[in-house]
Protein backbone atom coordinates (compact mmCIF):
# COMPACT_ATOMS: atom_id res chain seq x y z
CA MET A 1 39.29 77.11 -34.86
CA SER A 2 35.51 77.59 -34.75
CA THR A 3 33.54 76.72 -37.87
CA SER A 4 30.16 77.74 -36.47
CA THR A 5 28.15 80.53 -38.05
CA TYR A 6 25.92 83.01 -36.26
CA GLN A 7 22.32 82.26 -37.14
CA ILE A 8 20.53 85.32 -38.47
CA PRO A 9 16.77 85.12 -37.75
CA ARG A 10 14.81 83.37 -40.50
CA LEU A 11 12.72 86.50 -40.93
CA PHE A 12 15.66 87.87 -42.97
CA TYR A 13 16.19 86.62 -46.53
CA ARG A 14 19.81 86.83 -47.71
CA LEU A 15 20.44 88.57 -51.03
CA LYS A 16 23.33 86.63 -52.58
CA SER A 17 23.77 88.29 -55.96
CA GLN A 18 22.78 91.40 -57.87
CA GLN A 19 21.12 89.02 -60.34
CA VAL A 20 18.51 88.06 -57.74
CA ASN A 21 15.19 89.72 -58.65
CA PHE A 22 14.93 91.54 -55.33
CA ALA A 23 18.42 93.03 -55.78
CA LYS A 24 17.62 94.02 -59.38
CA HIS A 25 14.49 95.74 -58.08
CA PHE A 26 16.44 97.78 -55.50
CA ILE A 27 19.09 98.77 -58.06
CA ALA A 28 16.41 99.89 -60.51
CA LEU A 29 14.79 102.05 -57.82
CA ARG A 30 18.04 103.96 -57.44
CA GLU A 31 18.89 104.22 -61.12
CA LYS A 32 15.55 104.79 -62.89
CA LYS A 33 13.14 107.67 -62.24
CA LYS A 34 10.32 106.06 -64.25
CA TYR A 35 10.69 102.82 -62.27
CA ARG A 36 10.49 104.74 -58.96
CA GLN A 37 7.35 106.50 -60.16
CA ASP A 38 5.73 103.24 -61.27
CA GLU A 39 6.59 101.43 -58.02
CA GLY A 40 5.83 104.37 -55.71
CA THR A 41 8.88 103.58 -53.60
CA VAL A 42 12.45 104.82 -53.13
CA ILE A 43 15.62 103.54 -51.47
CA VAL A 44 16.75 105.43 -48.34
CA GLN A 45 19.92 104.73 -46.38
CA GLY A 46 20.90 105.18 -42.75
CA TYR A 47 19.56 104.28 -39.31
CA LYS A 48 19.02 107.87 -38.13
CA THR A 49 17.26 108.98 -41.32
CA LEU A 50 15.02 105.90 -41.35
CA LYS A 51 14.16 106.37 -37.68
CA GLU A 52 13.14 109.99 -38.35
CA LEU A 53 11.02 108.94 -41.33
CA ARG A 54 9.36 106.18 -39.29
CA ASP A 55 8.55 108.66 -36.51
CA GLN A 56 6.87 110.93 -39.09
CA GLY A 57 4.61 108.11 -40.26
CA VAL A 58 6.44 107.10 -43.43
CA LYS A 59 5.92 103.40 -44.24
CA PHE A 60 8.58 100.85 -45.24
CA LYS A 61 8.08 98.12 -47.82
CA SER A 62 11.44 96.40 -47.33
CA LEU A 63 14.30 96.71 -44.85
CA ILE A 64 17.84 95.59 -45.70
CA VAL A 65 20.68 95.04 -43.22
CA THR A 66 24.34 94.88 -44.27
CA VAL A 67 26.09 91.87 -42.71
CA LYS A 68 29.19 89.96 -43.80
CA LYS A 69 28.53 86.67 -45.58
CA GLU A 70 29.27 84.30 -42.70
CA PRO A 71 29.44 86.00 -39.30
CA GLU A 72 30.81 83.52 -36.77
CA GLU A 73 29.22 85.12 -33.73
CA GLU A 74 26.97 87.97 -32.73
CA THR A 75 29.91 90.29 -32.01
CA ASP A 76 30.82 90.16 -35.72
CA ILE A 77 27.73 92.29 -36.39
CA LYS A 78 27.94 95.86 -35.12
CA TYR A 79 25.54 98.76 -34.55
CA PRO A 80 23.13 99.59 -36.13
CA ALA A 81 22.80 96.29 -38.02
CA ILE A 82 22.70 94.13 -34.88
CA ASN A 83 20.02 96.35 -33.30
CA VAL A 84 17.74 95.77 -36.27
CA ILE A 85 18.48 92.04 -36.45
CA LYS A 86 17.59 91.68 -32.76
CA ASP A 87 14.50 93.89 -32.98
CA PRO A 88 13.33 94.13 -36.61
CA LYS A 89 9.87 95.31 -35.62
CA GLN A 90 11.28 98.69 -34.61
CA PHE A 91 11.09 99.25 -38.38
CA PRO A 92 7.84 97.55 -39.46
CA ALA A 93 8.19 96.36 -43.05
CA GLN A 94 6.65 93.81 -45.40
CA GLN A 95 9.99 92.09 -46.10
CA TYR A 96 13.41 91.88 -44.41
CA TYR A 97 16.73 91.13 -46.10
CA VAL A 98 20.45 90.88 -45.36
CA SER A 99 23.17 91.78 -47.84
CA ASP A 100 26.97 91.76 -47.78
CA ILE A 101 28.83 95.05 -48.26
CA ASN A 102 29.69 94.44 -51.92
CA LEU A 103 26.08 93.96 -52.94
CA ALA A 104 25.04 96.90 -50.74
CA ARG A 105 27.49 99.11 -52.67
CA ARG A 106 25.98 97.91 -55.95
CA ILE A 107 22.44 98.62 -54.74
CA LEU A 108 23.17 102.00 -53.14
CA GLY A 109 25.93 103.22 -55.44
CA THR A 110 29.50 103.88 -54.36
CA ALA A 111 28.78 107.58 -53.66
CA SER A 112 26.53 106.54 -50.77
CA LYS A 113 29.51 104.89 -49.00
CA PRO A 114 27.52 102.17 -47.20
CA GLY A 115 29.10 100.76 -44.06
CA ASN A 116 29.74 97.12 -43.19
CA HIS A 117 26.92 97.23 -40.63
CA ASP A 118 24.56 99.67 -42.33
CA ILE A 119 20.81 99.56 -42.93
CA PHE A 120 18.69 100.85 -45.79
CA ALA A 121 15.06 100.52 -46.78
CA GLU A 122 12.58 100.62 -49.61
CA VAL A 123 10.31 103.45 -48.49
CA ILE A 124 6.76 104.06 -49.70
CA VAL A 125 6.55 107.55 -51.22
CA PRO A 126 3.72 109.83 -50.00
CA GLN A 127 1.36 110.85 -52.81
CA TYR A 128 0.04 114.40 -53.33
CA SER A 129 -2.31 115.98 -55.87
CA SER A 130 -2.11 119.41 -57.50
CA ASP A 131 -4.96 120.63 -55.24
CA ASP A 132 -3.71 118.99 -52.03
CA SER A 133 -4.29 121.12 -48.93
CA LYS A 134 -0.89 120.01 -47.59
CA ILE A 135 0.67 121.98 -50.43
CA PHE A 136 -1.45 125.11 -50.64
CA ASP A 137 -2.71 125.69 -47.07
CA HIS A 138 0.32 127.82 -46.16
CA ASP A 139 1.29 131.48 -46.47
CA ARG A 140 4.57 130.59 -48.20
CA ILE A 141 5.33 128.12 -50.96
CA LEU A 142 8.59 127.38 -52.76
CA VAL A 143 8.83 126.73 -56.50
CA LEU A 144 11.79 124.95 -58.11
CA ASP A 145 11.89 125.75 -61.82
CA LYS A 146 14.07 123.50 -64.00
CA ILE A 147 16.70 122.99 -61.29
CA SER A 148 18.33 119.74 -62.33
CA ASP A 149 21.24 119.26 -59.91
CA PRO A 150 20.14 116.77 -57.21
CA GLY A 151 22.59 118.11 -54.63
CA ASN A 152 21.19 121.62 -55.00
CA VAL A 153 17.60 120.41 -54.90
CA GLY A 154 18.18 118.30 -51.78
CA THR A 155 19.92 121.18 -50.02
CA ILE A 156 17.12 123.59 -50.96
CA VAL A 157 14.45 121.22 -49.61
CA ARG A 158 16.32 120.74 -46.34
CA THR A 159 16.73 124.50 -45.96
CA ALA A 160 13.09 125.14 -46.87
CA LYS A 161 11.90 122.76 -44.15
CA ALA A 162 14.22 124.39 -41.62
CA LEU A 163 12.96 127.90 -42.48
CA GLY A 164 9.26 127.06 -42.47
CA TRP A 165 8.62 126.83 -46.21
CA GLN A 166 6.53 123.72 -45.78
CA SER A 167 5.62 122.75 -49.35
CA GLY A 168 6.52 123.25 -52.97
CA LEU A 169 5.83 123.02 -56.66
CA ILE A 170 8.36 121.46 -59.01
CA THR A 171 8.24 122.27 -62.71
CA HIS A 172 8.83 119.52 -65.24
CA HIS A 173 12.52 119.09 -66.16
CA SER A 174 13.54 119.70 -62.55
CA CYS A 175 15.37 116.98 -60.64
CA ASP A 176 13.24 114.19 -59.23
CA LEU A 177 13.11 114.75 -55.46
CA TYR A 178 13.44 111.00 -54.95
CA ASN A 179 16.75 110.79 -56.81
CA ASP A 180 19.18 109.08 -54.41
CA LYS A 181 21.58 112.06 -54.36
CA CYS A 182 18.70 114.43 -53.64
CA VAL A 183 17.41 112.22 -50.82
CA ARG A 184 20.90 112.12 -49.27
CA ALA A 185 21.42 115.90 -49.61
CA SER A 186 18.05 116.55 -47.96
CA ARG A 187 18.77 114.01 -45.18
CA GLY A 188 15.57 112.22 -46.17
CA LEU A 189 13.43 115.36 -45.86
CA ALA A 190 12.52 115.22 -49.56
CA LEU A 191 10.19 112.37 -48.56
CA THR A 192 8.24 114.44 -46.04
CA TRP A 193 8.12 117.77 -47.92
CA PRO A 194 4.73 117.94 -49.67
CA HIS A 195 5.22 118.83 -53.32
CA VAL A 196 3.77 118.19 -56.75
CA ALA A 197 5.14 118.48 -60.28
CA VAL A 198 3.44 120.92 -62.66
CA PRO A 199 4.13 121.99 -66.27
CA ALA A 200 6.00 125.31 -66.43
CA ASN A 201 3.25 126.82 -68.59
CA LYS A 202 0.64 126.01 -65.90
CA LEU A 203 2.67 127.24 -62.93
CA LEU A 204 1.16 130.72 -62.69
CA ASP A 205 -2.35 129.31 -63.02
CA HIS A 206 -1.76 127.04 -60.01
CA LEU A 207 -0.27 129.83 -57.91
CA LYS A 208 -2.88 132.46 -58.67
CA LYS A 209 -5.75 129.98 -58.27
CA HIS A 210 -4.66 129.57 -54.65
CA GLY A 211 -3.99 133.26 -54.05
CA PHE A 212 -0.19 133.27 -54.15
CA THR A 213 1.87 136.19 -55.43
CA PRO A 214 4.82 134.90 -57.51
CA ILE A 215 8.19 136.35 -56.46
CA VAL A 216 10.95 135.40 -58.89
CA ALA A 217 14.55 135.26 -57.66
CA ASP A 218 16.81 136.93 -60.23
CA MET A 219 19.99 138.96 -60.59
CA LEU A 220 19.68 142.71 -60.13
CA PRO A 221 19.27 144.44 -63.49
CA SER A 222 22.55 145.78 -64.86
CA ASN A 223 23.24 149.44 -65.51
CA LYS A 224 23.09 148.69 -69.24
CA GLN A 225 19.47 147.58 -69.01
CA GLU A 226 16.57 149.92 -69.56
CA LYS A 227 15.97 151.97 -66.40
CA VAL A 228 14.13 149.83 -63.86
CA GLU A 229 12.74 150.99 -60.53
CA ILE A 230 14.39 148.96 -57.77
CA TRP A 231 12.88 149.29 -54.31
CA SER A 232 13.49 148.09 -50.78
CA PRO A 233 10.65 147.40 -48.33
CA GLU A 234 12.82 148.98 -45.62
CA GLU A 235 13.19 152.42 -47.20
CA HIS A 236 16.98 152.29 -47.58
CA SER A 237 18.44 155.45 -49.05
CA GLY A 238 20.75 155.13 -52.01
CA PRO A 239 21.23 152.22 -54.40
CA PRO A 240 21.15 148.53 -53.39
CA ALA A 241 24.17 147.57 -51.29
CA GLN A 242 25.41 144.48 -49.50
CA GLY A 243 23.82 144.01 -46.10
CA THR A 244 20.60 145.83 -46.96
CA GLY A 245 18.54 142.68 -47.45
CA ALA A 246 16.38 141.73 -50.42
CA TRP A 247 15.43 144.30 -53.06
CA PHE A 248 12.47 144.11 -55.42
CA TRP A 249 11.81 145.27 -58.96
CA ASN A 250 9.77 144.67 -62.15
CA GLN A 251 6.55 145.76 -60.40
CA PRO A 252 5.49 148.74 -58.25
CA LYS A 253 5.96 148.49 -54.50
CA SER A 254 3.31 146.12 -53.18
CA LEU A 255 4.37 144.71 -49.82
CA PRO A 256 3.13 143.26 -47.54
CA ILE A 257 2.23 140.11 -49.46
CA LYS A 258 -0.14 137.76 -47.64
CA LYS A 259 0.70 134.59 -49.60
CA MET A 260 4.06 134.45 -51.33
CA ALA A 261 5.49 131.95 -53.81
CA LEU A 262 9.26 132.21 -54.14
CA ILE A 263 10.40 130.91 -57.53
CA LEU A 264 14.00 129.67 -57.77
CA SER A 265 15.26 129.04 -61.28
CA SER A 266 18.08 127.03 -62.79
CA GLU A 267 21.40 128.89 -63.01
CA HIS A 268 21.90 127.33 -66.44
CA HIS A 269 18.45 127.98 -67.94
CA GLY A 270 17.66 131.23 -66.13
CA VAL A 271 14.18 132.63 -65.51
CA ASP A 272 11.47 131.19 -67.75
CA ASP A 273 9.97 133.60 -70.31
CA SER A 274 6.49 132.94 -68.92
CA LEU A 275 7.55 134.76 -65.73
CA ALA A 276 8.71 137.94 -67.50
CA LYS A 277 6.06 140.20 -65.93
CA GLU A 278 6.24 138.84 -62.37
CA LEU A 279 7.72 140.57 -59.32
CA ARG A 280 11.49 140.07 -58.97
CA VAL A 281 13.60 139.75 -55.81
CA SER A 282 17.38 140.17 -55.81
CA LEU A 283 20.32 140.21 -53.42
CA PRO A 284 22.88 143.01 -53.76
CA MET A 285 26.33 141.46 -54.20
CA ASP A 286 29.92 142.54 -54.63
CA SER A 287 30.55 143.39 -58.28
CA SER A 288 33.35 140.83 -58.46
CA VAL A 289 30.85 137.99 -57.83
CA GLU A 290 28.92 137.02 -60.95
CA SER A 291 26.26 134.89 -59.25
CA LEU A 292 25.42 132.70 -56.26
CA ASN A 293 24.70 129.00 -56.22
CA VAL A 294 20.91 128.59 -56.35
CA ALA A 295 20.79 126.73 -53.03
CA THR A 296 22.78 129.49 -51.30
CA ALA A 297 20.73 132.30 -52.84
CA GLY A 298 17.50 130.48 -52.04
CA ALA A 299 18.46 130.09 -48.37
CA ILE A 300 19.25 133.80 -47.98
CA ILE A 301 16.10 134.95 -49.77
CA MET A 302 13.80 132.56 -47.87
CA SER A 303 15.26 133.79 -44.58
CA ASP A 304 14.90 137.46 -45.56
CA LEU A 305 11.33 137.02 -46.79
CA ASN A 306 10.53 135.39 -43.45
CA ARG A 307 11.95 138.43 -41.67
CA LEU A 308 10.03 140.88 -43.85
CA LYS A 309 6.80 138.93 -43.32
CA GLN A 310 7.06 139.49 -39.57
CA LYS A 311 7.16 143.30 -39.96
């Protein structure tokens, strides 16, 4: 029986325990928002996602390959791990490591379901300012207001990128876009979606300074509310009905809007009081449905606003 061990290139340092400082560092990046902010890096998993980030110019600080503790021969290491071990420079990084699956699970968290031959990386987070042209030089901007669920936020970001909403503002108390669940839900796109955090009480100042009209997603007013004029940009006759697209209210008819800022709010907290006078947009729904998930509603509204903007 062979007792030889496959020799992993010396470029790779093996992480042997979660008590090793490097491993502690990676775990803290996943678990602690403040630590991520201080370090300016985040952990991202998966060959395909990392390849896409690399191709978009995102830089890697560290690259980690999952390999069993004592592989006897090269065939014990499968794709994509073996590809990276053979050609590490396809992912230029400052440091390279190998880890067994148990430590990889501790670093990434069990929800990430790392594979026995997986790769993950410490990625350098792009930095943006509140006046960055990458955020405001667009005709559409998305605002996430106090949305705390990372799965929803990641899904919204992925959808926004797909539909051409190329940047955003995030109010304080919203989920950190570099939360590991958010990064997974966005398929890594949270790292390449220009955004900046702003206080809720300064949100309107930022939008209006750059010429954006706030459009607040909300439920249609109920029949019990004081009479509100609800209007459609497509001159539908009759009241709002399913299949008639987005309807607007809270302000007189004012379309077309040159620069629009769609504000999505937390289902739990609702629309912030500071937005009480802003234009509302709503989706007519069946009366048996109380509300839509914010990611679902956001996707429909973004798509419909895109359509209306082309008219």
